[in-house]
Amino acid sequence: MNADMIAAWAVENGFHAIDSGNYRRHDNAGVITIEIKRMSFLLIDERQGLRPRLI
């Protein structure tokens, strides 16, 4: 997947653009953030009851 495909997937799945390359989704379970970098991306899971973790 390239950055454009990841960004399109994020928007289609309820993530809101924070700024260029950063998307975040809030729900009852907590917060999930996607950070798109030049050659990779990070998925940060911050659900309630769990420590934030990179996926």
C-alpha atoms as a PDB file:
ATOM      1  CA  MET A   1       0.000   0.000   0.000  1.00  0.00           C
ATOM      2  CA  ASN A   2       1.226   3.486  -0.719  1.00  0.00           C
ATOM      3  CA  ALA A   3       0.478   6.668   1.252  1.00  0.00           C
ATOM      4  CA  ASP A   4      -2.474   7.642  -0.963  1.00  0.00           C
ATOM      5  CA  MET A   5      -4.087   4.222  -0.526  1.00  0.00           C
ATOM      6  CA  ILE A   6      -3.631   4.332   3.255  1.00  0.00           C
ATOM      7  CA  ALA A   7      -5.083   7.855   3.440  1.00  0.00           C
ATOM      8  CA  ALA A   8      -8.096   6.836   1.325  1.00  0.00           C
ATOM      9  CA  TRP A   9      -8.658   3.746   3.494  1.00  0.00           C
ATOM     10  CA  ALA A  10      -8.458   5.869   6.660  1.00  0.00           C
ATOM     11  CA  VAL A  11     -11.091   8.349   5.435  1.00  0.00           C
ATOM     12  CA  GLU A  12     -13.376   5.522   4.268  1.00  0.00           C
ATOM     13  CA  ASN A  13     -13.149   3.937   7.728  1.00  0.00           C
ATOM     14  CA  GLY A  14     -14.077   6.939   9.857  1.00  0.00           C
ATOM     15  CA  PHE A  15     -10.678   8.531  10.454  1.00  0.00           C
ATOM     16  CA  HIS A  16     -10.503  12.331  10.376  1.00  0.00           C
ATOM     17  CA  ALA A  17      -7.517  14.184   8.929  1.00  0.00           C
ATOM     18  CA  ILE A  18      -5.614  16.055  11.642  1.00  0.00           C
ATOM     19  CA  ASP A  19      -2.977  17.423   9.287  1.00  0.00           C
ATOM     20  CA  SER A  20      -0.931  16.158   6.366  1.00  0.00           C
ATOM     21  CA  GLY A  21      -0.325  12.457   6.932  1.00  0.00           C
ATOM     22  CA  ASN A  22      -2.086  12.145  10.306  1.00  0.00           C
ATOM     23  CA  TYR A  23      -5.538  10.627  10.788  1.00  0.00           C
ATOM     24  CA  ARG A  24      -7.439   9.911  14.006  1.00  0.00           C
ATOM     25  CA  ARG A  25     -10.615   8.053  14.921  1.00  0.00           C
ATOM     26  CA  HIS A  26     -12.469   8.291  18.249  1.00  0.00           C
ATOM     27  CA  ASP A  27     -15.069   5.758  19.337  1.00  0.00           C
ATOM     28  CA  ASN A  28     -16.390   4.207  22.543  1.00  0.00           C
ATOM     29  CA  ALA A  29     -13.314   1.983  22.795  1.00  0.00           C
ATOM     30  CA  GLY A  30     -10.837   4.884  22.597  1.00  0.00           C
ATOM     31  CA  VAL A  31      -8.594   6.544  20.030  1.00  0.00           C
ATOM     32  CA  ILE A  32      -6.699   5.133  17.062  1.00  0.00           C
ATOM     33  CA  THR A  33      -4.186   7.297  15.188  1.00  0.00           C
ATOM     34  CA  ILE A  34      -2.512   6.668  11.827  1.00  0.00           C
ATOM     35  CA  GLU A  35       0.685   8.568  11.027  1.00  0.00           C
ATOM     36  CA  ILE A  36       1.787   8.203   7.411  1.00  0.00           C
ATOM     37  CA  LYS A  37       5.522   8.677   6.931  1.00  0.00           C
ATOM     38  CA  ARG A  38       7.552   8.820   3.720  1.00  0.00           C
ATOM     39  CA  MET A  39       8.321   5.089   3.552  1.00  0.00           C
ATOM     40  CA  SER A  40       6.089   3.645   6.293  1.00  0.00           C
ATOM     41  CA  PHE A  41       3.102   4.264   8.511  1.00  0.00           C
ATOM     42  CA  LEU A  42       2.319   3.938  12.222  1.00  0.00           C
ATOM     43  CA  LEU A  43      -0.956   2.764  13.716  1.00  0.00           C
ATOM     44  CA  ILE A  44      -1.255   3.870  17.348  1.00  0.00           C
ATOM     45  CA  ASP A  45      -3.955   2.106  19.384  1.00  0.00           C
ATOM     46  CA  GLU A  46      -5.039   4.016  22.513  1.00  0.00           C
ATOM     47  CA  ARG A  47      -8.133   2.047  23.530  1.00  0.00           C
ATOM     48  CA  GLN A  48      -9.492   2.367  27.060  1.00  0.00           C
ATOM     49  CA  GLY A  49      -7.914   0.099  29.620  1.00  0.00           C
ATOM     50  CA  LEU A  50      -4.818  -0.496  27.503  1.00  0.00           C
ATOM     51  CA  ARG A  51      -1.494   1.270  27.321  1.00  0.00           C
ATOM     52  CA  PRO A  52      -0.972   3.060  23.993  1.00  0.00           C
ATOM     53  CA  ARG A  53       0.755   0.697  21.592  1.00  0.00           C
ATOM     54  CA  LEU A  54       2.127   0.719  18.079  1.00  0.00           C
ATOM     55  CA  ILE A  55       0.668  -1.803  15.695  1.00  0.00           C
END
